[in-house]
Amino acid sequence: MEYLHTMIRVSDLEETMRFFCDGLGMVETGRYDNEKGRFTLVFLAAPGDVERARTAKAPLLELTYNWDPEEYSGGRNFGHLAYRVDDIYSVCEHLQSMGVTINRPPRDGHMAFVKTPDGISIELLQRGENLPPKEPWASMNNTGTW
């Protein structure tokens, strides 16, 4: 068995691409527009997985954008996507500068949670050892749910 991808439906493709590409640094590896079905598929890979994603078509995140408006709810029921990052503090600072709420701050220098524009929870995990506690994260309260 081999892991291929996770698919999430998105209501605003541009805003979701901004979150994943500009915010988290993911790379678009493919796109498919289906006029008859009225949808667009966008495939994203983490920077460290780009070559493997292009050759093996895995591991990928598949964004499905339906052209006709639909309301999606229950993102929390999905669970979450998890990504390992080199510096959890700098990633959270960058996302916060983009207006993203840090729902569960990286108080422990190890783990944080944020949400996509459609409410999908994203877990960020520090690569290697936990970073030493650092303000403002160490004393920051949780916001909302994750």
N, C-alpha and C. Protein backbone atom coordinates (compact mmCIF):
# COMPACT_ATOMS: atom_id res chain seq x y z
N MET A 1 0.84 -1.16 0.00
CA MET A 1 0.00 0.00 0.00
C MET A 1 0.89 1.24 0.00
N GLU A 2 0.41 2.29 -0.64
CA GLU A 2 1.15 3.54 -0.74
C GLU A 2 0.20 4.72 -0.56
N TYR A 3 0.58 5.68 0.27
CA TYR A 3 -0.24 6.88 0.46
C TYR A 3 -0.13 7.73 -0.80
N LEU A 4 -1.28 8.19 -1.31
CA LEU A 4 -1.29 9.01 -2.52
C LEU A 4 -1.59 10.48 -2.24
N HIS A 5 -2.81 10.77 -1.74
CA HIS A 5 -3.17 12.16 -1.50
C HIS A 5 -4.34 12.27 -0.53
N THR A 6 -4.53 13.50 -0.08
CA THR A 6 -5.71 13.87 0.69
C THR A 6 -6.44 14.92 -0.12
N MET A 7 -7.75 14.80 -0.25
CA MET A 7 -8.54 15.77 -1.01
C MET A 7 -9.39 16.57 -0.04
N ILE A 8 -9.38 17.89 -0.22
CA ILE A 8 -10.32 18.75 0.51
C ILE A 8 -11.03 19.63 -0.49
N ARG A 9 -12.31 19.89 -0.23
CA ARG A 9 -13.09 20.80 -1.07
C ARG A 9 -12.90 22.22 -0.55
N VAL A 10 -12.75 23.16 -1.47
CA VAL A 10 -12.49 24.54 -1.07
C VAL A 10 -13.51 25.45 -1.72
N SER A 11 -13.88 26.52 -1.01
CA SER A 11 -14.89 27.44 -1.54
C SER A 11 -14.26 28.64 -2.25
N ASP A 12 -13.01 28.97 -1.92
CA ASP A 12 -12.33 30.09 -2.56
C ASP A 12 -10.92 29.61 -2.93
N LEU A 13 -10.74 29.23 -4.19
CA LEU A 13 -9.47 28.64 -4.61
C LEU A 13 -8.31 29.61 -4.43
N GLU A 14 -8.50 30.86 -4.79
CA GLU A 14 -7.43 31.85 -4.68
C GLU A 14 -6.98 32.03 -3.23
N GLU A 15 -7.92 32.17 -2.32
CA GLU A 15 -7.58 32.35 -0.91
C GLU A 15 -6.94 31.09 -0.34
N THR A 16 -7.41 29.92 -0.75
CA THR A 16 -6.84 28.66 -0.26
C THR A 16 -5.42 28.48 -0.80
N MET A 17 -5.19 28.83 -2.06
CA MET A 17 -3.84 28.75 -2.63
C MET A 17 -2.90 29.71 -1.89
N ARG A 18 -3.40 30.89 -1.56
CA ARG A 18 -2.60 31.85 -0.80
C ARG A 18 -2.19 31.24 0.54
N PHE A 19 -3.14 30.59 1.22
CA PHE A 19 -2.85 29.97 2.51
C PHE A 19 -1.78 28.89 2.37
N PHE A 20 -2.00 27.94 1.46
CA PHE A 20 -1.07 26.81 1.35
C PHE A 20 0.25 27.17 0.68
N CYS A 21 0.22 27.97 -0.39
CA CYS A 21 1.45 28.29 -1.12
C CYS A 21 2.21 29.46 -0.50
N ASP A 22 1.55 30.60 -0.33
CA ASP A 22 2.22 31.76 0.25
C ASP A 22 2.46 31.56 1.74
N GLY A 23 1.49 30.97 2.42
CA GLY A 23 1.60 30.80 3.87
C GLY A 23 2.49 29.65 4.29
N LEU A 24 2.24 28.47 3.74
CA LEU A 24 2.99 27.28 4.15
C LEU A 24 4.11 26.90 3.19
N GLY A 25 4.19 27.56 2.04
CA GLY A 25 5.28 27.27 1.12
C GLY A 25 5.09 26.05 0.24
N MET A 26 3.86 25.54 0.16
CA MET A 26 3.61 24.37 -0.69
C MET A 26 3.72 24.77 -2.16
N VAL A 27 3.92 23.77 -3.01
CA VAL A 27 4.19 24.00 -4.43
C VAL A 27 3.11 23.32 -5.26
N GLU A 28 2.56 24.07 -6.22
CA GLU A 28 1.58 23.48 -7.13
C GLU A 28 2.32 22.57 -8.11
N THR A 29 1.88 21.31 -8.19
CA THR A 29 2.52 20.35 -9.09
C THR A 29 1.62 19.96 -10.26
N GLY A 30 0.36 20.35 -10.20
CA GLY A 30 -0.55 20.03 -11.29
C GLY A 30 -1.89 20.70 -11.10
N ARG A 31 -2.59 20.87 -12.24
CA ARG A 31 -3.91 21.51 -12.22
C ARG A 31 -4.73 20.92 -13.35
N TYR A 32 -6.01 20.70 -13.07
CA TYR A 32 -6.91 20.13 -14.08
C TYR A 32 -8.25 20.85 -14.00
N ASP A 33 -8.64 21.50 -15.08
CA ASP A 33 -9.95 22.15 -15.18
C ASP A 33 -10.87 21.25 -15.98
N ASN A 34 -12.06 20.99 -15.45
CA ASN A 34 -13.04 20.16 -16.14
C ASN A 34 -14.28 21.01 -16.41
N GLU A 35 -14.38 21.49 -17.65
CA GLU A 35 -15.51 22.36 -18.04
C GLU A 35 -16.84 21.63 -17.90
N LYS A 36 -16.90 20.39 -18.37
CA LYS A 36 -18.16 19.64 -18.32
C LYS A 36 -18.61 19.41 -16.88
N GLY A 37 -17.69 19.02 -16.02
CA GLY A 37 -18.02 18.78 -14.62
C GLY A 37 -18.03 20.03 -13.77
N ARG A 38 -17.54 21.14 -14.34
CA ARG A 38 -17.51 22.45 -13.68
C ARG A 38 -16.72 22.41 -12.36
N PHE A 39 -15.49 21.91 -12.45
CA PHE A 39 -14.62 21.90 -11.29
C PHE A 39 -13.16 22.03 -11.71
N THR A 40 -12.33 22.42 -10.74
CA THR A 40 -10.89 22.50 -10.92
C THR A 40 -10.23 21.68 -9.82
N LEU A 41 -9.24 20.90 -10.20
CA LEU A 41 -8.41 20.17 -9.23
C LEU A 41 -7.02 20.80 -9.25
N VAL A 42 -6.49 21.08 -8.08
CA VAL A 42 -5.13 21.60 -7.96
C VAL A 42 -4.39 20.66 -7.01
N PHE A 43 -3.20 20.23 -7.44
CA PHE A 43 -2.39 19.31 -6.64
C PHE A 43 -1.19 20.07 -6.08
N LEU A 44 -1.00 19.95 -4.76
CA LEU A 44 0.08 20.64 -4.05
C LEU A 44 0.97 19.63 -3.35
N ALA A 45 2.26 19.97 -3.26
CA ALA A 45 3.22 19.14 -2.54
C ALA A 45 4.01 20.02 -1.58
N ALA A 46 4.42 19.44 -0.48
CA ALA A 46 5.33 20.14 0.42
C ALA A 46 6.67 20.28 -0.31
N PRO A 47 7.41 21.36 -0.02
CA PRO A 47 8.67 21.59 -0.74
C PRO A 47 9.60 20.37 -0.77
N GLY A 48 9.68 19.64 0.32
CA GLY A 48 10.56 18.47 0.37
C GLY A 48 10.03 17.26 -0.38
N ASP A 49 8.79 17.33 -0.85
CA ASP A 49 8.16 16.21 -1.55
C ASP A 49 7.93 16.47 -3.03
N VAL A 50 8.37 17.63 -3.55
CA VAL A 50 8.02 18.03 -4.92
C VAL A 50 8.48 17.01 -5.95
N GLU A 51 9.74 16.60 -5.91
CA GLU A 51 10.25 15.67 -6.93
C GLU A 51 9.49 14.34 -6.88
N ARG A 52 9.30 13.81 -5.69
CA ARG A 52 8.56 12.56 -5.54
C ARG A 52 7.13 12.72 -6.03
N ALA A 53 6.51 13.85 -5.71
CA ALA A 53 5.13 14.10 -6.12
C ALA A 53 5.01 14.18 -7.64
N ARG A 54 6.02 14.77 -8.29
CA ARG A 54 5.97 14.89 -9.75
C ARG A 54 6.18 13.56 -10.45
N THR A 55 6.99 12.69 -9.88
CA THR A 55 7.25 11.41 -10.54
C THR A 55 6.27 10.32 -10.10
N ALA A 56 6.00 10.25 -8.80
CA ALA A 56 5.14 9.19 -8.27
C ALA A 56 3.70 9.63 -8.07
N LYS A 57 3.43 10.92 -8.29
CA LYS A 57 2.10 11.49 -8.05
C LYS A 57 1.67 11.31 -6.60
N ALA A 58 2.63 11.34 -5.68
CA ALA A 58 2.35 11.20 -4.26
C ALA A 58 3.58 11.67 -3.49
N PRO A 59 3.46 12.12 -2.27
CA PRO A 59 2.25 12.46 -1.54
C PRO A 59 1.76 13.86 -1.92
N LEU A 60 0.47 13.99 -2.05
CA LEU A 60 -0.12 15.24 -2.52
C LEU A 60 -1.31 15.67 -1.69
N LEU A 61 -1.58 16.96 -1.76
CA LEU A 61 -2.82 17.51 -1.27
C LEU A 61 -3.61 17.92 -2.51
N GLU A 62 -4.81 17.40 -2.65
CA GLU A 62 -5.67 17.73 -3.78
C GLU A 62 -6.74 18.71 -3.33
N LEU A 63 -6.75 19.89 -3.94
CA LEU A 63 -7.79 20.88 -3.68
C LEU A 63 -8.84 20.73 -4.76
N THR A 64 -10.09 20.55 -4.36
CA THR A 64 -11.19 20.45 -5.32
C THR A 64 -12.03 21.71 -5.20
N TYR A 65 -12.10 22.45 -6.30
CA TYR A 65 -12.88 23.68 -6.34
C TYR A 65 -14.03 23.48 -7.32
N ASN A 66 -15.27 23.45 -6.80
CA ASN A 66 -16.46 23.34 -7.64
C ASN A 66 -16.87 24.75 -8.06
N TRP A 67 -17.04 24.95 -9.35
CA TRP A 67 -17.31 26.28 -9.89
C TRP A 67 -18.65 26.83 -9.44
N ASP A 68 -19.63 25.98 -9.24
CA ASP A 68 -20.93 26.43 -8.76
C ASP A 68 -20.86 26.51 -7.24
N PRO A 69 -21.28 27.64 -6.67
CA PRO A 69 -21.14 27.84 -5.22
C PRO A 69 -21.80 26.72 -4.41
N GLU A 70 -21.07 26.27 -3.41
CA GLU A 70 -21.57 25.29 -2.45
C GLU A 70 -21.10 25.75 -1.08
N GLU A 71 -21.86 25.43 -0.05
CA GLU A 71 -21.44 25.75 1.30
C GLU A 71 -20.89 24.49 1.94
N TYR A 72 -19.65 24.58 2.42
CA TYR A 72 -19.02 23.45 3.08
C TYR A 72 -18.96 23.72 4.57
N SER A 73 -19.31 22.72 5.34
CA SER A 73 -19.22 22.85 6.79
C SER A 73 -18.65 21.55 7.33
N GLY A 74 -18.33 21.56 8.59
CA GLY A 74 -17.84 20.33 9.22
C GLY A 74 -16.38 20.08 8.98
N GLY A 75 -15.58 21.12 8.67
CA GLY A 75 -14.15 20.94 8.46
C GLY A 75 -13.50 20.25 9.64
N ARG A 76 -13.98 20.54 10.83
CA ARG A 76 -13.41 19.91 12.02
C ARG A 76 -13.70 18.41 12.03
N ASN A 77 -14.81 17.99 11.45
CA ASN A 77 -15.13 16.56 11.39
C ASN A 77 -14.10 15.79 10.56
N PHE A 78 -13.46 16.48 9.62
CA PHE A 78 -12.45 15.86 8.78
C PHE A 78 -11.27 15.38 9.62
N GLY A 79 -10.93 16.11 10.65
CA GLY A 79 -9.72 15.84 11.42
C GLY A 79 -8.72 16.94 11.11
N HIS A 80 -7.54 16.57 10.62
CA HIS A 80 -6.56 17.59 10.27
C HIS A 80 -5.51 17.04 9.33
N LEU A 81 -4.81 17.96 8.68
CA LEU A 81 -3.63 17.64 7.90
C LEU A 81 -2.45 18.03 8.77
N ALA A 82 -1.34 17.31 8.68
CA ALA A 82 -0.17 17.62 9.49
C ALA A 82 1.05 17.81 8.59
N TYR A 83 1.84 18.84 8.92
CA TYR A 83 3.06 19.15 8.18
C TYR A 83 4.19 19.40 9.17
N ARG A 84 5.36 18.84 8.87
CA ARG A 84 6.57 19.09 9.64
C ARG A 84 7.22 20.35 9.08
N VAL A 85 7.65 21.25 9.97
CA VAL A 85 8.26 22.52 9.54
C VAL A 85 9.63 22.69 10.21
N ASP A 86 10.49 23.47 9.56
CA ASP A 86 11.85 23.68 10.07
C ASP A 86 11.89 24.61 11.27
N ASP A 87 11.01 25.62 11.31
CA ASP A 87 10.98 26.57 12.43
C ASP A 87 9.53 26.95 12.68
N ILE A 88 8.93 26.32 13.66
CA ILE A 88 7.50 26.51 13.92
C ILE A 88 7.18 27.95 14.28
N TYR A 89 8.09 28.63 14.97
CA TYR A 89 7.83 30.02 15.33
C TYR A 89 7.79 30.92 14.10
N SER A 90 8.72 30.75 13.19
CA SER A 90 8.73 31.62 12.00
C SER A 90 7.54 31.33 11.10
N VAL A 91 7.13 30.07 11.00
CA VAL A 91 5.95 29.74 10.19
C VAL A 91 4.71 30.38 10.79
N CYS A 92 4.55 30.28 12.11
CA CYS A 92 3.39 30.89 12.77
C CYS A 92 3.43 32.41 12.65
N GLU A 93 4.60 33.02 12.80
CA GLU A 93 4.72 34.47 12.63
C GLU A 93 4.31 34.88 11.22
N HIS A 94 4.78 34.12 10.22
CA HIS A 94 4.45 34.43 8.83
C HIS A 94 2.95 34.31 8.59
N LEU A 95 2.34 33.22 9.04
CA LEU A 95 0.90 33.03 8.86
C LEU A 95 0.12 34.13 9.56
N GLN A 96 0.54 34.47 10.77
CA GLN A 96 -0.13 35.52 11.52
C GLN A 96 -0.04 36.86 10.78
N SER A 97 1.10 37.13 10.13
CA SER A 97 1.25 38.38 9.38
C SER A 97 0.33 38.42 8.17
N MET A 98 -0.13 37.25 7.73
CA MET A 98 -1.08 37.14 6.62
C MET A 98 -2.53 37.22 7.11
N GLY A 99 -2.72 37.35 8.41
CA GLY A 99 -4.07 37.43 8.96
C GLY A 99 -4.63 36.10 9.40
N VAL A 100 -3.82 35.05 9.41
CA VAL A 100 -4.27 33.73 9.85
C VAL A 100 -4.25 33.67 11.37
N THR A 101 -5.33 33.19 11.97
CA THR A 101 -5.41 33.01 13.42
C THR A 101 -4.63 31.77 13.80
N ILE A 102 -3.79 31.89 14.81
CA ILE A 102 -3.07 30.73 15.35
C ILE A 102 -3.98 30.17 16.45
N ASN A 103 -4.74 29.13 16.11
CA ASN A 103 -5.73 28.60 17.03
C ASN A 103 -5.11 27.96 18.26
N ARG A 104 -4.06 27.21 18.06
CA ARG A 104 -3.32 26.60 19.16
C ARG A 104 -1.86 27.03 18.96
N PRO A 105 -1.41 28.03 19.73
CA PRO A 105 -0.04 28.54 19.57
C PRO A 105 1.01 27.48 19.91
N PRO A 106 2.22 27.64 19.36
CA PRO A 106 3.29 26.68 19.63
C PRO A 106 3.98 26.95 20.98
N ARG A 107 3.21 26.92 22.05
CA ARG A 107 3.75 27.23 23.39
C ARG A 107 4.91 26.31 23.76
N ASP A 108 4.86 25.08 23.32
CA ASP A 108 5.87 24.08 23.68
C ASP A 108 7.02 24.02 22.67
N GLY A 109 7.01 24.90 21.66
CA GLY A 109 8.04 24.87 20.64
C GLY A 109 7.96 23.65 19.75
N HIS A 110 6.82 22.97 19.79
CA HIS A 110 6.68 21.71 19.05
C HIS A 110 5.46 21.66 18.14
N MET A 111 4.31 22.13 18.62
CA MET A 111 3.06 21.92 17.89
C MET A 111 2.20 23.17 17.89
N ALA A 112 1.56 23.41 16.72
CA ALA A 112 0.60 24.50 16.59
C ALA A 112 -0.52 24.03 15.68
N PHE A 113 -1.67 24.68 15.79
CA PHE A 113 -2.79 24.43 14.88
C PHE A 113 -3.28 25.74 14.31
N VAL A 114 -3.59 25.72 13.02
CA VAL A 114 -4.21 26.84 12.31
C VAL A 114 -5.33 26.24 11.46
N LYS A 115 -6.09 27.10 10.79
CA LYS A 115 -7.15 26.60 9.91
C LYS A 115 -7.05 27.26 8.55
N THR A 116 -7.45 26.49 7.53
CA THR A 116 -7.52 27.02 6.17
C THR A 116 -8.72 27.97 6.09
N PRO A 117 -8.84 28.71 4.98
CA PRO A 117 -10.01 29.58 4.83
C PRO A 117 -11.35 28.82 4.90
N ASP A 118 -11.35 27.52 4.66
CA ASP A 118 -12.58 26.72 4.74
C ASP A 118 -12.72 25.98 6.06
N GLY A 119 -11.85 26.26 7.03
CA GLY A 119 -12.00 25.67 8.36
C GLY A 119 -11.36 24.30 8.53
N ILE A 120 -10.48 23.89 7.62
CA ILE A 120 -9.77 22.61 7.77
C ILE A 120 -8.61 22.83 8.72
N SER A 121 -8.51 22.01 9.76
CA SER A 121 -7.43 22.14 10.73
C SER A 121 -6.11 21.66 10.15
N ILE A 122 -5.08 22.44 10.40
CA ILE A 122 -3.72 22.12 9.96
C ILE A 122 -2.84 22.06 11.20
N GLU A 123 -2.20 20.91 11.42
CA GLU A 123 -1.26 20.75 12.53
C GLU A 123 0.14 21.01 12.00
N LEU A 124 0.87 21.87 12.68
CA LEU A 124 2.26 22.15 12.34
C LEU A 124 3.13 21.55 13.43
N LEU A 125 4.11 20.74 13.04
CA LEU A 125 4.99 20.08 13.99
C LEU A 125 6.44 20.48 13.72
N GLN A 126 7.17 20.82 14.77
CA GLN A 126 8.56 21.22 14.66
C GLN A 126 9.42 20.02 14.27
N ARG A 127 10.27 20.20 13.25
CA ARG A 127 11.22 19.16 12.85
C ARG A 127 12.28 19.03 13.95
N GLY A 128 12.62 17.80 14.29
CA GLY A 128 13.67 17.55 15.29
C GLY A 128 13.21 17.89 16.69
N GLU A 129 14.15 18.40 17.47
CA GLU A 129 13.87 18.73 18.87
C GLU A 129 12.94 19.94 18.98
N ASN A 130 12.18 19.98 20.06
CA ASN A 130 11.34 21.15 20.33
C ASN A 130 12.21 22.40 20.45
N LEU A 131 11.71 23.52 19.97
CA LEU A 131 12.40 24.79 20.17
C LEU A 131 12.16 25.26 21.60
N PRO A 132 13.10 26.01 22.18
CA PRO A 132 12.87 26.54 23.53
C PRO A 132 11.63 27.43 23.54
N PRO A 133 10.86 27.43 24.64
CA PRO A 133 9.69 28.32 24.73
C PRO A 133 10.10 29.76 24.42
N LYS A 134 9.19 30.48 23.74
CA LYS A 134 9.49 31.83 23.27
C LYS A 134 8.20 32.65 23.28
N GLU A 135 8.32 33.89 23.69
CA GLU A 135 7.18 34.80 23.65
C GLU A 135 7.03 35.35 22.24
N PRO A 136 5.84 35.68 21.81
CA PRO A 136 4.61 35.74 22.59
C PRO A 136 3.92 34.38 22.70
N TRP A 137 4.48 33.36 22.06
CA TRP A 137 3.82 32.06 21.97
C TRP A 137 3.64 31.38 23.32
N ALA A 138 4.65 31.46 24.19
CA ALA A 138 4.62 30.73 25.46
C ALA A 138 3.43 31.10 26.33
N SER A 139 2.99 32.36 26.27
CA SER A 139 1.88 32.78 27.12
C SER A 139 0.59 33.04 26.35
N MET A 140 0.56 32.71 25.07
CA MET A 140 -0.61 32.97 24.24
C MET A 140 -1.69 31.91 24.48
N ASN A 141 -2.92 32.35 24.61
CA ASN A 141 -4.04 31.43 24.81
C ASN A 141 -4.52 30.84 23.50
N ASN A 142 -5.21 29.71 23.60
CA ASN A 142 -5.85 29.12 22.43
C ASN A 142 -6.98 30.06 21.95
N THR A 143 -7.25 30.01 20.65
CA THR A 143 -8.33 30.79 20.05
C THR A 143 -9.23 29.86 19.27
N GLY A 144 -10.49 29.78 19.64
CA GLY A 144 -11.43 28.93 18.91
C GLY A 144 -11.11 27.45 19.08
N THR A 145 -11.40 26.72 18.05
CA THR A 145 -11.18 25.26 18.06
C THR A 145 -10.17 24.89 17.00
N TRP A 146 -9.68 23.69 17.08
CA TRP A 146 -8.81 23.19 16.03
C TRP A 146 -9.04 21.72 15.88
